Amino acid sequence: MLGFSLSVLLSLSLMKFWGESLIFLMVLTAMMLMWSCDFGASKVGALFELDSVSWSLIILSLWVVILAVMASLSVNQMNQSSDLFMFTSMSLLLALLSSFALNDYLLFYLSFETSLIPVFVLILGWGYQPERVQAGIYMLFYTVTASLPLLVMLLVTKISGGSGYMHMLSHTGDYSVMYYFFFLAAFLVKFPMYIVHLWLPKAHVEAPVAGSMLLAGVLLKLGGYGMVRVLSLLGGLPSVISSMLVSLSLWGGFMVSISCLRLMDMKSLIACSSVVHMSGCIGSLVIMSEWGLKGAVCLMVAHGLCSSGLFYLTYVVYSRTHSRSMLVSKGLLNIMPSISLWWFLLLSVNMAAPPSLNLLGELSIIIGLVSWSKLSVVMLGLMSFFSAAYSLYLYSLSQHGQYLFSKGGLHSGYMVEYLILVLHWAPVNFLILNSSYILS
């Protein structure tokens, strides 16, 4: 049923039926939400298998793609190759759903790499600056180079084991450090981990609003999903490697959170905050604890909605002031008070204020990492403090101060802008009422 629905979506997008494609996508998402799932291994075909992790990320993918298409209505209104834009978005959705649903490692790798192509097309086709070509190549260079060793290891595993089935027994043994590195490098770059994160701010700055929303909302989560699947195949990591990865990710999250306090570009700051949040997810997944896994999945879903909403707010400001710099786009509280309210609400979610799902995810991650090593509480405390610091820094510098009179009069917002912001904020706060949906 899902494959047939996506085929219809691709056909509608090619026939330039923008509104019909969006409505059909909303209906498909409603049907997926109503489809009852017992969160065990739910067989849906010979090649497809869903559990609670893949189910949560599939729903997130559908939701974020709908919001990204709604946020890009100007592409259709200005006729900026709107049919190609819709086809690219639906192709990306198909690659994402295939990645989360397939139960064969090689097919997962194929769809995992295929998802880069639509994002590359979005950046090159609808980006804002001439540097978008460099940003797209930068992204491909990092991700493809790191994923080639993974392809070799998956082929070796399939030849030695005779099957690429994801839920088979783990391969435990006395392997070298390079063996684990080849398996994990592709996912650590996609997450991204500190040191290999430099492609992310550049890609976000040059991407259009849909590209930024999809990149932060769903594509980063492919790295976490891949780590869940590969670590179960490896049967966990040796203590030396896991200690090194946890230490590097927590230290990197702390360093990036400090560097956020000196950034003036709104998009760069929000992109770097994604690195901070995902560093906790990396550490909690590496230790292979139940609290860590549940917290990582919970935070990935919450961060996907929160960061997507923040990138959309940046686009709203950019469409009015034609600048992402907080030195130019400041004093917005005086001229766009209603949008300032949504800045406050989404940045509160970003700093894990209650009752958001981010709080549940971060608490679970902290419990998992502190139970693994009590020393990690120092870096986790510093990361939490500076996460709140750069969120307050972004809000105060952009909303307060003297706005530039050269910008002229600005209206507070259209109805569709508030609708998109509500659809970002409401799930991340109301899912806490049924957290067993994520933590099952």
Protein backbone atom coordinates (compact mmCIF):
# COMPACT_ATOMS: atom_id res chain seq x y z
CA MET A 1 0.00 0.00 0.00
CA LEU A 2 2.80 2.40 0.93
CA GLY A 3 4.67 1.73 -2.32
CA PHE A 4 1.53 2.31 -4.38
CA SER A 5 0.82 5.57 -2.53
CA LEU A 6 4.34 6.86 -3.18
CA SER A 7 4.06 5.94 -6.87
CA VAL A 8 0.86 8.01 -7.06
CA LEU A 9 2.64 10.90 -5.33
CA LEU A 10 5.52 10.82 -7.81
CA SER A 11 3.05 10.79 -10.71
CA LEU A 12 1.09 13.74 -9.30
CA SER A 13 4.27 15.75 -8.78
CA LEU A 14 5.35 15.13 -12.39
CA MET A 15 1.93 16.27 -13.63
CA LYS A 16 2.36 19.59 -11.78
CA PHE A 17 -0.49 18.85 -9.35
CA TRP A 18 1.09 20.66 -6.38
CA GLY A 19 -2.02 20.99 -4.22
CA GLU A 20 -3.25 17.48 -5.00
CA SER A 21 0.16 16.03 -4.07
CA LEU A 22 0.16 17.85 -0.76
CA ILE A 23 -3.38 16.72 0.10
CA PHE A 24 -2.58 13.12 -0.87
CA LEU A 25 0.54 13.24 1.33
CA MET A 26 -1.54 14.47 4.28
CA VAL A 27 -4.05 11.65 3.78
CA LEU A 28 -1.22 9.11 3.63
CA THR A 29 0.23 10.45 6.88
CA ALA A 30 -3.19 10.26 8.59
CA MET A 31 -3.59 6.65 7.44
CA MET A 32 -0.13 5.76 8.77
CA LEU A 33 -0.96 7.32 12.13
CA MET A 34 -4.23 5.39 12.37
CA TRP A 35 -2.59 2.12 11.35
CA SER A 36 -2.25 0.21 14.61
CA CYS A 37 1.17 -1.26 15.32
CA ASP A 38 2.03 -3.44 18.31
CA PHE A 39 5.68 -2.24 18.22
CA GLY A 40 7.04 -5.70 17.92
CA ALA A 41 8.60 -6.83 14.67
CA SER A 42 5.77 -5.99 12.26
CA LYS A 43 6.12 -7.75 8.92
CA VAL A 44 4.73 -5.81 5.97
CA GLY A 45 6.44 -7.61 3.11
CA ALA A 46 9.34 -9.78 2.05
CA LEU A 47 11.78 -6.86 2.11
CA PHE A 48 10.11 -4.59 4.68
CA GLU A 49 9.98 -4.85 8.44
CA LEU A 50 9.03 -2.22 11.00
CA ASP A 51 9.77 -1.86 14.69
CA SER A 52 9.21 1.06 17.05
CA VAL A 53 12.40 2.89 15.95
CA SER A 54 11.70 2.74 12.22
CA TRP A 55 7.99 3.42 12.77
CA SER A 56 8.68 6.62 14.71
CA LEU A 57 11.14 7.89 12.10
CA ILE A 58 8.79 7.07 9.20
CA ILE A 59 6.03 9.17 10.79
CA LEU A 60 8.58 11.94 11.40
CA SER A 61 9.69 11.80 7.74
CA LEU A 62 6.14 12.13 6.42
CA TRP A 63 5.37 14.99 8.83
CA VAL A 64 8.50 17.00 8.07
CA VAL A 65 8.14 16.56 4.28
CA ILE A 66 4.56 17.90 4.47
CA LEU A 67 5.73 20.94 6.44
CA ALA A 68 8.70 21.50 4.09
CA VAL A 69 6.40 21.50 1.06
CA MET A 70 3.98 23.88 2.80
CA ALA A 71 6.89 26.17 3.70
CA SER A 72 7.95 26.29 0.03
CA LEU A 73 4.67 27.54 -1.43
CA SER A 74 6.56 30.53 -2.83
CA VAL A 75 8.34 28.12 -5.21
CA ASN A 76 4.95 27.26 -6.70
CA GLN A 77 3.66 30.85 -6.67
CA MET A 78 6.75 32.19 -8.44
CA ASN A 79 6.87 29.15 -10.75
CA GLN A 80 10.50 28.35 -9.86
CA SER A 81 10.43 24.88 -11.48
CA SER A 82 7.74 23.85 -9.02
CA ASP A 83 7.11 20.46 -10.68
CA LEU A 84 10.79 19.52 -10.39
CA PHE A 85 10.83 20.73 -6.77
CA MET A 86 7.85 18.55 -5.87
CA PHE A 87 9.32 15.55 -7.69
CA THR A 88 12.63 15.99 -5.85
CA SER A 89 10.86 16.20 -2.48
CA MET A 90 8.81 13.07 -3.17
CA SER A 91 11.94 11.23 -4.36
CA LEU A 92 13.65 12.15 -1.10
CA LEU A 93 10.62 10.92 0.86
CA LEU A 94 10.72 7.61 -1.04
CA ALA A 95 14.43 7.17 -0.24
CA LEU A 96 13.86 7.99 3.43
CA LEU A 97 10.93 5.61 3.87
CA SER A 98 12.88 2.87 2.11
CA SER A 99 15.86 3.42 4.42
CA PHE A 100 13.71 3.11 7.54
CA ALA A 101 11.59 0.16 6.35
CA LEU A 102 13.96 -2.18 4.45
CA ASN A 103 15.31 -5.17 6.35
CA ASP A 104 18.37 -5.92 4.17
CA TYR A 105 21.65 -4.16 4.85
CA LEU A 106 22.66 -3.68 1.21
CA LEU A 107 19.26 -2.30 0.21
CA PHE A 108 19.39 -0.02 3.25
CA TYR A 109 22.82 1.21 2.13
CA LEU A 110 21.49 1.88 -1.38
CA SER A 111 18.55 3.96 -0.16
CA PHE A 112 20.78 5.59 2.50
CA GLU A 113 23.09 6.92 -0.21
CA THR A 114 20.25 7.70 -2.65
CA SER A 115 18.79 10.20 -0.16
CA LEU A 116 21.82 12.46 -0.70
CA ILE A 117 20.98 13.06 -4.37
CA PRO A 118 17.63 14.92 -3.85
CA VAL A 119 19.20 17.07 -1.11
CA PHE A 120 22.09 17.90 -3.46
CA VAL A 121 19.55 18.88 -6.15
CA LEU A 122 17.60 21.04 -3.67
CA ILE A 123 20.75 22.90 -2.60
CA LEU A 124 21.96 23.47 -6.15
CA GLY A 125 18.59 24.24 -7.68
CA TRP A 126 16.93 26.45 -5.08
CA GLY A 127 19.79 27.68 -2.88
CA TYR A 128 20.35 31.37 -2.28
CA GLN A 129 24.07 32.06 -2.79
CA PRO A 130 26.61 31.20 -5.52
CA GLU A 131 28.56 29.20 -2.91
CA ARG A 132 25.83 26.55 -2.92
CA VAL A 133 27.78 24.47 -5.45
CA GLN A 134 30.74 24.32 -3.08
CA ALA A 135 28.44 23.46 -0.16
CA GLY A 136 26.80 20.62 -2.10
CA ILE A 137 30.13 19.14 -3.18
CA TYR A 138 31.42 19.52 0.38
CA MET A 139 28.45 17.51 1.68
CA LEU A 140 28.89 14.76 -0.93
CA PHE A 141 32.64 14.59 -0.35
CA TYR A 142 32.23 14.00 3.38
CA THR A 143 29.32 11.56 3.27
CA VAL A 144 30.21 9.44 0.23
CA THR A 145 33.89 9.10 1.18
CA ALA A 146 33.00 7.88 4.67
CA SER A 147 30.35 5.46 3.42
CA LEU A 148 32.47 3.56 0.89
CA PRO A 149 34.21 1.48 3.62
CA LEU A 150 30.74 0.60 4.94
CA LEU A 151 29.79 -0.86 1.56
CA VAL A 152 32.90 -3.08 1.64
CA MET A 153 32.11 -4.31 5.17
CA LEU A 154 28.48 -5.04 4.31
CA LEU A 155 29.56 -7.07 1.27
CA VAL A 156 32.04 -9.01 3.43
CA THR A 157 29.31 -9.65 6.02
CA LYS A 158 26.87 -10.84 3.37
CA ILE A 159 29.44 -13.19 1.80
CA SER A 160 30.58 -14.63 5.14
CA GLY A 161 27.13 -14.85 6.72
CA GLY A 162 25.17 -15.70 3.58
CA SER A 163 22.49 -13.12 4.36
CA GLY A 164 22.10 -9.38 4.77
CA TYR A 165 19.05 -9.66 7.01
CA MET A 166 19.08 -6.87 9.62
CA HIS A 167 17.61 -8.82 12.51
CA MET A 168 19.95 -11.81 12.36
CA LEU A 169 22.27 -12.81 15.19
CA SER A 170 25.12 -10.46 15.98
CA HIS A 171 28.67 -11.17 14.81
CA THR A 172 30.79 -10.97 17.94
CA GLY A 173 34.52 -11.52 17.83
CA ASP A 174 37.95 -10.10 18.44
CA TYR A 175 38.14 -7.51 15.65
CA SER A 176 40.56 -4.66 15.03
CA VAL A 177 39.79 -0.98 15.57
CA MET A 178 39.60 -0.39 11.79
CA TYR A 179 36.88 -3.03 11.50
CA TYR A 180 34.58 -1.04 13.80
CA PHE A 181 35.68 2.25 12.25
CA PHE A 182 34.69 1.11 8.74
CA PHE A 183 31.24 0.10 9.99
CA LEU A 184 30.52 3.29 11.93
CA ALA A 185 32.28 6.07 9.97
CA ALA A 186 29.41 6.62 7.49
CA PHE A 187 26.85 7.07 10.27
CA LEU A 188 29.07 9.26 12.45
CA VAL A 189 29.60 11.63 9.50
CA LYS A 190 25.87 11.67 8.73
CA PHE A 191 24.88 12.35 12.35
CA PRO A 192 27.32 14.34 12.35
CA MET A 193 30.00 13.83 14.99
CA TYR A 194 32.42 16.51 16.12
CA ILE A 195 35.48 16.77 13.80
CA VAL A 196 33.47 15.50 10.78
CA HIS A 197 30.63 18.03 11.23
CA LEU A 198 32.05 20.87 9.14
CA TRP A 199 29.88 20.10 6.11
CA LEU A 200 26.64 20.63 8.05
CA PRO A 201 26.67 24.42 8.76
CA LYS A 202 27.83 25.10 5.20
CA ALA A 203 25.06 22.96 3.68
CA HIS A 204 22.41 24.58 5.90
CA VAL A 205 23.48 28.14 5.11
CA GLU A 206 23.30 27.56 1.34
CA ALA A 207 20.18 25.34 1.30
CA PRO A 208 16.64 26.65 0.69
CA VAL A 209 14.11 26.47 3.51
CA ALA A 210 12.88 22.99 2.46
CA GLY A 211 16.45 21.72 2.20
CA SER A 212 17.30 22.95 5.71
CA MET A 213 14.09 21.54 7.20
CA LEU A 214 14.59 18.13 5.61
CA LEU A 215 18.31 18.02 6.34
CA ALA A 216 17.88 18.81 10.04
CA GLY A 217 14.50 17.13 10.50
CA VAL A 218 15.08 13.74 8.94
CA LEU A 219 18.40 13.24 7.15
CA LEU A 220 20.53 13.56 10.30
CA LYS A 221 18.37 10.84 11.86
CA LEU A 222 19.51 8.37 9.19
CA GLY A 223 22.87 8.30 10.97
CA GLY A 224 21.25 7.38 14.28
CA TYR A 225 19.05 4.74 12.68
CA GLY A 226 22.07 3.22 10.91
CA MET A 227 24.01 3.10 14.18
CA VAL A 228 21.13 1.26 15.86
CA ARG A 229 21.12 -1.39 13.13
CA VAL A 230 24.90 -1.78 12.77
CA LEU A 231 25.64 -1.86 16.51
CA SER A 232 23.12 -4.68 16.91
CA LEU A 233 24.96 -6.55 14.14
CA LEU A 234 28.34 -5.98 15.81
CA GLY A 235 27.01 -7.00 19.22
CA GLY A 236 28.26 -3.79 20.81
CA LEU A 237 31.66 -2.14 20.83
CA PRO A 238 34.79 -2.92 22.87
CA SER A 239 35.12 -0.75 25.97
CA VAL A 240 38.16 1.10 24.60
CA ILE A 241 36.37 2.19 21.40
CA SER A 242 33.10 3.03 23.15
CA SER A 243 34.97 5.12 25.77
CA MET A 244 36.82 6.97 23.02
CA LEU A 245 33.64 7.69 21.02
CA VAL A 246 31.64 8.81 24.06
CA SER A 247 34.46 11.06 25.26
CA LEU A 248 34.96 12.61 21.83
CA SER A 249 31.24 13.18 21.25
CA LEU A 250 30.67 14.79 24.66
CA TRP A 251 33.79 16.94 24.41
CA GLY A 252 32.82 17.93 20.86
CA GLY A 253 29.29 18.83 21.94
CA PHE A 254 30.71 21.05 24.67
CA MET A 255 33.15 22.78 22.28
CA VAL A 256 30.48 23.39 19.61
CA SER A 257 28.05 24.75 22.22
CA ILE A 258 30.68 27.31 23.27
CA SER A 259 31.37 28.25 19.64
CA CYS A 260 27.63 28.91 19.14
CA LEU A 261 27.96 31.92 21.46
CA ARG A 262 30.09 33.79 18.91
CA LEU A 263 28.02 33.10 15.77
CA MET A 264 26.02 35.89 14.14
CA ASP A 265 24.32 33.90 11.37
CA MET A 266 21.00 32.46 12.58
CA LYS A 267 21.19 29.43 10.30
CA SER A 268 24.76 28.58 11.32
CA LEU A 269 23.85 28.80 14.99
CA ILE A 270 20.82 26.50 14.63
CA ALA A 271 22.88 24.06 12.52
CA CYS A 272 25.64 23.94 15.15
CA SER A 273 23.04 23.41 17.87
CA SER A 274 22.04 20.24 15.99
CA VAL A 275 25.61 18.98 16.40
CA VAL A 276 25.36 19.60 20.17
CA HIS A 277 22.10 17.66 20.53
CA MET A 278 23.22 14.80 18.32
CA SER A 279 26.49 14.39 20.26
CA GLY A 280 24.45 13.19 23.22
CA CYS A 281 22.61 10.75 20.96
CA ILE A 282 25.92 9.34 19.68
CA GLY A 283 27.20 8.75 23.20
CA SER A 284 23.98 7.10 24.36
CA LEU A 285 23.79 4.80 21.31
CA VAL A 286 27.43 3.71 21.63
CA ILE A 287 27.02 2.44 25.21
CA MET A 288 24.15 0.16 24.04
CA SER A 289 21.94 0.62 27.11
CA GLU A 290 18.15 0.52 27.09
CA TRP A 291 17.88 4.02 28.56
CA GLY A 292 20.36 5.29 26.00
CA LEU A 293 18.52 3.80 23.02
CA LYS A 294 15.10 5.06 24.13
CA GLY A 295 16.45 8.51 24.94
CA ALA A 296 18.28 8.76 21.61
CA VAL A 297 15.17 7.84 19.59
CA CYS A 298 13.05 10.22 21.66
CA LEU A 299 15.52 13.09 21.18
CA MET A 300 15.85 12.40 17.45
CA VAL A 301 12.09 12.73 16.96
CA ALA A 302 11.89 15.84 19.15
CA HIS A 303 14.92 17.49 17.56
CA GLY A 304 13.57 16.77 14.07
CA LEU A 305 10.46 18.83 14.79
CA CYS A 306 12.16 21.55 16.84
CA SER A 307 15.11 22.30 14.52
CA SER A 308 12.85 22.19 11.45
CA GLY A 309 10.62 24.82 13.07
CA LEU A 310 13.61 27.01 13.93
CA PHE A 311 14.89 26.88 10.35
CA TYR A 312 11.44 27.87 9.14
CA LEU A 313 11.44 30.84 11.53
CA THR A 314 14.81 31.88 10.13
CA TYR A 315 13.29 31.76 6.64
CA VAL A 316 10.35 33.92 7.79
CA VAL A 317 12.78 36.54 9.10
CA TYR A 318 14.94 36.29 5.96
CA SER A 319 11.91 36.81 3.70
CA ARG A 320 11.20 40.11 5.52
CA THR A 321 14.68 41.55 6.17
CA HIS A 322 16.71 39.73 3.46
CA SER A 323 19.41 38.97 6.01
CA ARG A 324 20.20 36.12 8.39
CA SER A 325 22.66 38.19 10.43
CA MET A 326 21.54 39.03 13.95
CA LEU A 327 23.31 42.37 13.64
CA VAL A 328 20.84 43.37 10.92
CA SER A 329 17.75 41.35 11.85
CA LYS A 330 17.37 42.52 15.45
CA GLY A 331 14.63 44.29 17.35
CA LEU A 332 12.04 41.94 15.80
CA LEU A 333 9.96 42.05 18.97
CA ASN A 334 8.98 45.62 18.08
CA ILE A 335 7.78 44.91 14.56
CA MET A 336 6.85 41.17 14.54
CA PRO A 337 5.57 40.43 18.08
CA SER A 338 3.50 37.38 17.10
CA ILE A 339 6.48 35.73 15.37
CA SER A 340 8.60 36.59 18.44
CA LEU A 341 6.23 34.46 20.53
CA TRP A 342 7.01 31.48 18.31
CA TRP A 343 10.74 32.18 18.58
CA PHE A 344 10.34 31.96 22.35
CA LEU A 345 8.27 28.76 22.25
CA LEU A 346 10.56 26.87 19.86
CA LEU A 347 13.76 28.03 21.55
CA SER A 348 12.29 26.89 24.87
CA VAL A 349 11.83 23.45 23.30
CA ASN A 350 15.38 23.65 21.94
CA MET A 351 16.79 24.13 25.46
CA ALA A 352 14.67 21.15 26.67
CA ALA A 353 12.23 23.14 28.80
CA PRO A 354 9.21 21.20 30.11
CA PRO A 355 6.83 19.84 28.94
CA SER A 356 8.65 19.16 25.67
CA LEU A 357 9.71 15.77 24.35
CA ASN A 358 13.29 17.08 24.28
CA LEU A 359 13.30 17.06 28.08
CA LEU A 360 12.29 13.38 28.21
CA GLY A 361 14.93 12.46 25.63
CA GLU A 362 17.74 14.40 27.32
CA LEU A 363 16.87 13.03 30.77
CA SER A 364 16.94 9.47 29.40
CA ILE A 365 20.30 10.12 27.71
CA ILE A 366 21.74 11.63 30.91
CA ILE A 367 20.54 8.65 32.97
CA GLY A 368 22.08 6.20 30.49
CA LEU A 369 25.44 7.97 30.26
CA VAL A 370 25.78 8.68 34.00
CA SER A 371 25.00 5.04 34.82
CA TRP A 372 27.74 4.07 32.36
CA SER A 373 30.30 6.49 33.86
CA LYS A 374 29.81 9.04 36.62
CA LEU A 375 32.53 11.25 35.09
CA SER A 376 30.28 12.00 32.10
CA VAL A 377 28.03 14.13 34.33
CA VAL A 378 30.56 16.98 34.11
CA MET A 379 30.43 17.30 30.31
CA LEU A 380 26.68 16.65 30.23
CA GLY A 381 26.12 19.45 32.74
CA LEU A 382 28.26 21.87 30.74
CA MET A 383 26.48 20.93 27.49
CA SER A 384 23.06 21.47 29.09
CA PHE A 385 24.11 24.84 30.50
CA PHE A 386 25.55 26.15 27.25
CA SER A 387 22.58 24.81 25.26
CA ALA A 388 20.38 27.10 27.32
CA ALA A 389 22.97 29.88 26.95
CA TYR A 390 23.08 29.92 23.15
CA SER A 391 19.28 29.57 22.93
CA LEU A 392 18.90 32.67 25.11
CA TYR A 393 21.66 34.38 23.13
CA LEU A 394 19.82 33.76 19.84
CA TYR A 395 16.50 34.96 21.25
CA SER A 396 17.78 38.09 22.98
CA LEU A 397 20.04 39.24 20.16
CA SER A 398 17.43 38.75 17.43
CA GLN A 399 14.31 39.94 19.26
CA HIS A 400 15.59 42.82 21.39
CA GLY A 401 17.50 45.94 20.47
CA GLN A 402 16.94 48.79 18.03
CA TYR A 403 15.68 47.62 14.64
CA LEU A 404 16.93 49.30 11.49
CA PHE A 405 14.47 51.87 10.14
CA SER A 406 15.71 51.16 6.62
CA LYS A 407 13.73 47.91 6.70
CA GLY A 408 10.46 49.82 6.59
CA GLY A 409 7.13 48.40 7.72
CA LEU A 410 6.78 44.65 8.25
CA HIS A 411 3.63 42.64 8.81
CA SER A 412 3.59 40.00 11.52
CA GLY A 413 2.77 37.01 9.37
CA TYR A 414 0.44 35.04 7.12
CA MET A 415 -1.98 32.40 8.35
CA VAL A 416 -0.03 29.58 6.67
CA GLU A 417 3.12 30.62 8.59
CA TYR A 418 1.34 30.25 11.92
CA LEU A 419 -0.15 26.93 10.80
CA ILE A 420 3.32 25.54 9.99
CA LEU A 421 4.70 26.76 13.32
CA VAL A 422 1.80 25.20 15.25
CA LEU A 423 2.33 21.89 13.45
CA HIS A 424 5.99 21.98 14.52
CA TRP A 425 5.39 22.95 18.12
CA ALA A 426 2.27 20.99 19.04
CA PRO A 427 3.55 17.40 18.45
CA VAL A 428 6.80 17.96 20.34
CA ASN A 429 4.87 19.14 23.40
CA PHE A 430 1.82 16.87 23.31
CA LEU A 431 3.68 13.63 22.55
CA ILE A 432 4.98 13.82 26.13
CA LEU A 433 1.43 12.88 27.21
CA ASN A 434 1.85 9.54 25.42
CA SER A 435 5.59 9.03 25.70
CA SER A 436 5.17 5.23 25.56
CA TYR A 437 4.56 5.75 21.82
CA ILE A 438 8.24 6.72 21.50
CA LEU A 439 9.79 4.84 24.43
CA SER A 440 8.10 1.48 23.83
